[in-house]
Structure formats: C-alpha cells, structure tokens
Amino acid sequence: MIEIGRVVVKTAGRDAGKKGIIVEILDDKYVLIDGETRRRKCNILHIEPLNQVVKINKNASHEEITQAMEELGIKAMQTKPKPKAEKPRKKRKTPEQLKAQKEEKRKLRDLFKPKKKEEKTEAKEGTLEEKAGLVEGKDENKPKEAKPKERKATQKKK
C-alpha cells in the first residue's frame, strides 16, 4: 500500500489534514513526502494512504510533484527562499566625532558629579581636637620631643 507516487493525507503534526505524495521510501518506518505539506521525512503511522497513485520517479523534484498535484486538482505548497543580505558593517568614527563624543560625556559627568563641600577643605587645615579647642597652644615651629619607650617585662610562670 505504501509506494512511491501514492497520494496520502497527513494525520499528525503541523501539516495534519494536508495531502502529499510519497517521493521516497527511506526505511520500514519513514517515507519522504511532498505536496501541500512541506517536503520532509514522515512516519508512516502519521499518514493515511488514499486510492490515488501518481506516476513519478524516485526522488522527484518539487516541480515534478507540483505538476502531478495540479493534474489531481490539488495546489502544492510553494516556498520562496530567503534573500541573502549582508551584515551592515560598522564605520569608524572620525577624530572630530570622537572629540564631540568625549565632550558630551564630560558634560554629563559634570552634571551628575557631587559638588565638593567647603567643610572638607577646612578639615584638612586642622584636626578635630584643634577645632574642639582641646589642644592648648601648640607651636608649629617647635620640634617634637621624643618620648622614651617603656618596656614591660613579661615573664612566663611555670
């Protein structure tokens, strides 16, 4: 019942309910069909053979299948290949464009940069103790006196 040129109806899948013609028998479970459906491998359990048989060669082209389908009064599926398009190439920027771009970035950076507070500059001038008035008159010209280091004798007790 399954033979090349047999008209079948797909019962499962995306093309269910559409007619096609068996173009090639691939093995005991799969056949290649074409017609109203897409040209593809199909499980024989997913097709229903009809009584009509068309005389075609093994591995017939899509045009031959289209002509055979028109003789039966069935319109075959026509697909158009996608046009090939080139990827757009990136163009290098001129030095003027790069300078303009950097200027824009600087302007934006200046807008969002937090403003410096005057308190920070005052903090550098004096320490916290000096601001609080805890340090008594300190002469900056006077050199610092070295403090003698004290050592603690630690002895381990046994």
C-alpha atoms as a PDB file:
ATOM      1  CA  MET A   1       0.000   0.000   0.000  1.00  0.00           C
ATOM      2  CA  ILE A   2       2.935   2.353   0.733  1.00  0.00           C
ATOM      3  CA  GLU A   3       4.672   3.012  -2.587  1.00  0.00           C
ATOM      4  CA  ILE A   4       6.332   5.863  -4.475  1.00  0.00           C
ATOM      5  CA  GLY A   5       3.702   8.114  -6.036  1.00  0.00           C
ATOM      6  CA  ARG A   6       0.905   7.189  -3.573  1.00  0.00           C
ATOM      7  CA  VAL A   7      -1.242  10.161  -2.533  1.00  0.00           C
ATOM      8  CA  VAL A   8      -1.508  10.402   1.258  1.00  0.00           C
ATOM      9  CA  VAL A   9      -3.098  12.622   3.899  1.00  0.00           C
ATOM     10  CA  LYS A  10      -1.099  13.615   6.962  1.00  0.00           C
ATOM     11  CA  THR A  11      -2.916  12.760  10.196  1.00  0.00           C
ATOM     12  CA  ALA A  12      -0.496  14.213  12.754  1.00  0.00           C
ATOM     13  CA  GLY A  13       1.688  17.222  13.216  1.00  0.00           C
ATOM     14  CA  ARG A  14       1.689  20.733  11.874  1.00  0.00           C
ATOM     15  CA  ASP A  15       0.605  19.677   8.388  1.00  0.00           C
ATOM     16  CA  ALA A  16      -2.255  17.445   9.604  1.00  0.00           C
ATOM     17  CA  GLY A  17      -5.132  17.216   7.097  1.00  0.00           C
ATOM     18  CA  LYS A  18      -2.990  18.191   4.104  1.00  0.00           C
ATOM     19  CA  LYS A  19      -2.326  15.983   1.109  1.00  0.00           C
ATOM     20  CA  GLY A  20       1.032  14.922  -0.236  1.00  0.00           C
ATOM     21  CA  ILE A  21       2.732  12.382  -2.465  1.00  0.00           C
ATOM     22  CA  ILE A  22       5.276   9.793  -1.332  1.00  0.00           C
ATOM     23  CA  VAL A  23       8.556  10.727  -3.027  1.00  0.00           C
ATOM     24  CA  GLU A  24      10.875   8.127  -1.471  1.00  0.00           C
ATOM     25  CA  ILE A  25      10.693   5.231   0.982  1.00  0.00           C
ATOM     26  CA  LEU A  26      13.507   5.769   3.496  1.00  0.00           C
ATOM     27  CA  ASP A  27      13.089   2.594   5.596  1.00  0.00           C
ATOM     28  CA  ASP A  28      10.318   0.441   7.048  1.00  0.00           C
ATOM     29  CA  LYS A  29       9.036   3.303   9.273  1.00  0.00           C
ATOM     30  CA  TYR A  30       9.742   6.536   7.368  1.00  0.00           C
ATOM     31  CA  VAL A  31       8.920   7.998   3.957  1.00  0.00           C
ATOM     32  CA  LEU A  32       9.694  11.310   2.263  1.00  0.00           C
ATOM     33  CA  ILE A  33       6.563  13.234   1.259  1.00  0.00           C
ATOM     34  CA  ASP A  34       5.941  16.464  -0.666  1.00  0.00           C
ATOM     35  CA  GLY A  35       2.878  18.391  -1.881  1.00  0.00           C
ATOM     36  CA  GLU A  36       0.555  20.598   0.135  1.00  0.00           C
ATOM     37  CA  THR A  37       2.799  19.732   3.050  1.00  0.00           C
ATOM     38  CA  ARG A  38       6.404  20.657   3.478  1.00  0.00           C
ATOM     39  CA  ARG A  39       8.899  18.288   1.844  1.00  0.00           C
ATOM     40  CA  ARG A  40      10.094  16.211   4.749  1.00  0.00           C
ATOM     41  CA  LYS A  41      10.552  12.850   6.371  1.00  0.00           C
ATOM     42  CA  CYS A  42       7.342  11.459   7.825  1.00  0.00           C
ATOM     43  CA  ASN A  43       6.468   8.422   9.943  1.00  0.00           C
ATOM     44  CA  ILE A  44       4.157   6.009   8.091  1.00  0.00           C
ATOM     45  CA  LEU A  45       1.960   5.856  11.200  1.00  0.00           C
ATOM     46  CA  HIS A  46       1.262   9.590  10.734  1.00  0.00           C
ATOM     47  CA  ILE A  47      -0.079   9.320   7.174  1.00  0.00           C
ATOM     48  CA  GLU A  48      -3.261   7.862   5.667  1.00  0.00           C
ATOM     49  CA  PRO A  49      -2.844   6.447   2.134  1.00  0.00           C
ATOM     50  CA  LEU A  50      -5.538   7.281  -0.445  1.00  0.00           C
ATOM     51  CA  ASN A  51      -6.601   5.264  -3.511  1.00  0.00           C
ATOM     52  CA  GLN A  52      -4.906   7.651  -5.972  1.00  0.00           C
ATOM     53  CA  VAL A  53      -1.453   6.870  -7.343  1.00  0.00           C
ATOM     54  CA  VAL A  54       0.645   9.260  -9.481  1.00  0.00           C
ATOM     55  CA  LYS A  55       3.429   8.048 -11.743  1.00  0.00           C
ATOM     56  CA  ILE A  56       6.645   9.789 -10.641  1.00  0.00           C
ATOM     57  CA  ASN A  57      10.306   8.848 -10.386  1.00  0.00           C
ATOM     58  CA  LYS A  58      12.129   8.204  -7.120  1.00  0.00           C
ATOM     59  CA  ASN A  59      13.483  11.470  -5.618  1.00  0.00           C
ATOM     60  CA  ALA A  60      11.333  13.597  -7.941  1.00  0.00           C
ATOM     61  CA  SER A  61      11.905  17.358  -7.725  1.00  0.00           C
ATOM     62  CA  HIS A  62       9.388  19.740  -6.196  1.00  0.00           C
ATOM     63  CA  GLU A  63       8.417  20.987  -9.691  1.00  0.00           C
ATOM     64  CA  GLU A  64       7.501  17.454 -10.815  1.00  0.00           C
ATOM     65  CA  ILE A  65       5.436  16.956  -7.658  1.00  0.00           C
ATOM     66  CA  THR A  66       3.685  20.301  -8.257  1.00  0.00           C
ATOM     67  CA  GLN A  67       2.715  19.267 -11.803  1.00  0.00           C
ATOM     68  CA  ALA A  68       1.410  15.880 -10.584  1.00  0.00           C
ATOM     69  CA  MET A  69      -0.627  17.576  -7.838  1.00  0.00           C
ATOM     70  CA  GLU A  70      -2.158  20.027 -10.350  1.00  0.00           C
ATOM     71  CA  GLU A  71      -3.288  17.058 -12.521  1.00  0.00           C
ATOM     72  CA  LEU A  72      -5.164  15.770  -9.469  1.00  0.00           C
ATOM     73  CA  GLY A  73      -6.625  19.236  -8.804  1.00  0.00           C
ATOM     74  CA  ILE A  74      -4.616  19.884  -5.649  1.00  0.00           C
ATOM     75  CA  LYS A  75      -2.496  23.001  -5.175  1.00  0.00           C
ATOM     76  CA  ALA A  76       1.039  22.257  -3.960  1.00  0.00           C
ATOM     77  CA  MET A  77       2.871  24.379  -1.393  1.00  0.00           C
ATOM     78  CA  GLN A  78       5.221  26.976  -2.881  1.00  0.00           C
ATOM     79  CA  THR A  79       8.090  28.254  -0.770  1.00  0.00           C
ATOM     80  CA  LYS A  80      10.364  31.154  -1.553  1.00  0.00           C
ATOM     81  CA  PRO A  81      13.970  31.131  -0.453  1.00  0.00           C
ATOM     82  CA  LYS A  82      15.002  33.985   1.787  1.00  0.00           C
ATOM     83  CA  PRO A  83      17.015  36.692   0.038  1.00  0.00           C
ATOM     84  CA  LYS A  84      20.604  36.765   1.194  1.00  0.00           C
ATOM     85  CA  ALA A  85      21.541  40.008   2.889  1.00  0.00           C
ATOM     86  CA  GLU A  86      24.921  41.260   4.034  1.00  0.00           C
ATOM     87  CA  LYS A  87      25.585  42.251   7.586  1.00  0.00           C
ATOM     88  CA  PRO A  88      25.898  46.002   7.985  1.00  0.00           C
ATOM     89  CA  ARG A  89      29.497  46.941   8.696  1.00  0.00           C
ATOM     90  CA  LYS A  90      30.390  49.407  11.385  1.00  0.00           C
ATOM     91  CA  LYS A  91      32.123  52.541  10.170  1.00  0.00           C
ATOM     92  CA  ARG A  92      34.952  54.093  12.114  1.00  0.00           C
ATOM     93  CA  LYS A  93      34.334  57.452  13.686  1.00  0.00           C
ATOM     94  CA  THR A  94      36.374  60.448  12.620  1.00  0.00           C
ATOM     95  CA  PRO A  95      38.573  62.227  15.185  1.00  0.00           C
ATOM     96  CA  GLU A  96      36.107  65.129  15.246  1.00  0.00           C
ATOM     97  CA  GLN A  97      33.251  62.778  16.106  1.00  0.00           C
ATOM     98  CA  LEU A  98      35.331  61.183  18.863  1.00  0.00           C
ATOM     99  CA  LYS A  99      36.159  64.594  20.353  1.00  0.00           C
ATOM    100  CA  ALA A 100      32.493  65.598  20.287  1.00  0.00           C
ATOM    101  CA  GLN A 101      31.537  62.331  21.982  1.00  0.00           C
ATOM    102  CA  LYS A 102      34.123  62.872  24.739  1.00  0.00           C
ATOM    103  CA  GLU A 103      32.846  66.418  25.324  1.00  0.00           C
ATOM    104  CA  GLU A 104      29.296  65.129  25.739  1.00  0.00           C
ATOM    105  CA  LYS A 105      30.494  62.556  28.263  1.00  0.00           C
ATOM    106  CA  ARG A 106      32.341  65.254  30.230  1.00  0.00           C
ATOM    107  CA  LYS A 107      29.248  67.445  30.339  1.00  0.00           C
ATOM    108  CA  LEU A 108      27.122  64.582  31.597  1.00  0.00           C
ATOM    109  CA  ARG A 109      29.748  63.588  34.138  1.00  0.00           C
ATOM    110  CA  ASP A 110      29.875  67.157  35.459  1.00  0.00           C
ATOM    111  CA  LEU A 111      26.089  67.239  35.821  1.00  0.00           C
ATOM    112  CA  PHE A 112      25.984  64.101  37.934  1.00  0.00           C
ATOM    113  CA  LYS A 113      29.200  64.669  39.922  1.00  0.00           C
ATOM    114  CA  PRO A 114      28.512  65.602  43.574  1.00  0.00           C
ATOM    115  CA  LYS A 115      29.583  69.127  44.473  1.00  0.00           C
ATOM    116  CA  LYS A 116      32.596  69.451  46.755  1.00  0.00           C
ATOM    117  CA  LYS A 117      31.838  70.807  50.178  1.00  0.00           C
ATOM    118  CA  GLU A 118      33.895  73.539  51.762  1.00  0.00           C
ATOM    119  CA  GLU A 119      33.956  71.615  55.028  1.00  0.00           C
ATOM    120  CA  LYS A 120      36.323  69.055  53.574  1.00  0.00           C
ATOM    121  CA  THR A 121      38.927  71.703  52.841  1.00  0.00           C
ATOM    122  CA  GLU A 122      38.629  73.078  56.390  1.00  0.00           C
ATOM    123  CA  ALA A 123      39.081  69.616  57.820  1.00  0.00           C
ATOM    124  CA  LYS A 124      42.476  69.380  56.156  1.00  0.00           C
ATOM    125  CA  GLU A 125      43.653  72.605  57.774  1.00  0.00           C
ATOM    126  CA  GLY A 126      43.164  71.449  61.341  1.00  0.00           C
ATOM    127  CA  THR A 127      42.480  68.324  63.314  1.00  0.00           C
ATOM    128  CA  LEU A 128      39.297  67.628  65.207  1.00  0.00           C
ATOM    129  CA  GLU A 129      40.967  68.291  68.539  1.00  0.00           C
ATOM    130  CA  GLU A 130      42.043  71.721  67.382  1.00  0.00           C
ATOM    131  CA  LYS A 131      38.515  72.518  66.253  1.00  0.00           C
ATOM    132  CA  ALA A 132      37.086  71.429  69.579  1.00  0.00           C
ATOM    133  CA  GLY A 133      39.644  73.545  71.460  1.00  0.00           C
ATOM    134  CA  LEU A 134      41.150  70.607  73.351  1.00  0.00           C
ATOM    135  CA  VAL A 135      44.711  71.317  72.285  1.00  0.00           C
ATOM    136  CA  GLU A 136      46.385  74.096  74.188  1.00  0.00           C
ATOM    137  CA  GLY A 137      48.658  76.494  72.355  1.00  0.00           C
ATOM    138  CA  LYS A 138      50.767  74.407  70.066  1.00  0.00           C
ATOM    139  CA  ASP A 139      53.765  75.903  68.379  1.00  0.00           C
ATOM    140  CA  GLU A 140      54.352  74.632  64.886  1.00  0.00           C
ATOM    141  CA  ASN A 141      57.993  75.750  64.895  1.00  0.00           C
ATOM    142  CA  LYS A 142      58.862  73.716  67.967  1.00  0.00           C
ATOM    143  CA  PRO A 143      60.283  70.266  67.145  1.00  0.00           C
ATOM    144  CA  LYS A 144      58.559  67.272  68.657  1.00  0.00           C
ATOM    145  CA  GLU A 145      60.132  65.786  71.733  1.00  0.00           C
ATOM    146  CA  ALA A 146      60.892  62.137  71.640  1.00  0.00           C
ATOM    147  CA  LYS A 147      59.128  60.142  74.323  1.00  0.00           C
ATOM    148  CA  PRO A 148      61.078  57.399  75.999  1.00  0.00           C
ATOM    149  CA  LYS A 149      59.687  53.994  75.280  1.00  0.00           C
ATOM    150  CA  GLU A 150      58.583  51.971  78.217  1.00  0.00           C
ATOM    151  CA  ARG A 151      59.097  48.258  78.212  1.00  0.00           C
ATOM    152  CA  LYS A 152      57.091  45.849  80.160  1.00  0.00           C
ATOM    153  CA  ALA A 153      58.893  42.818  81.351  1.00  0.00           C
ATOM    154  CA  THR A 154      56.794  39.783  80.764  1.00  0.00           C
ATOM    155  CA  GLN A 155      57.729  36.629  82.412  1.00  0.00           C
ATOM    156  CA  LYS A 156      56.082  33.325  81.902  1.00  0.00           C
ATOM    157  CA  LYS A 157      55.263  31.500  85.043  1.00  0.00           C
ATOM    158  CA  LYS A 158      55.797  27.772  85.014  1.00  0.00           C
END
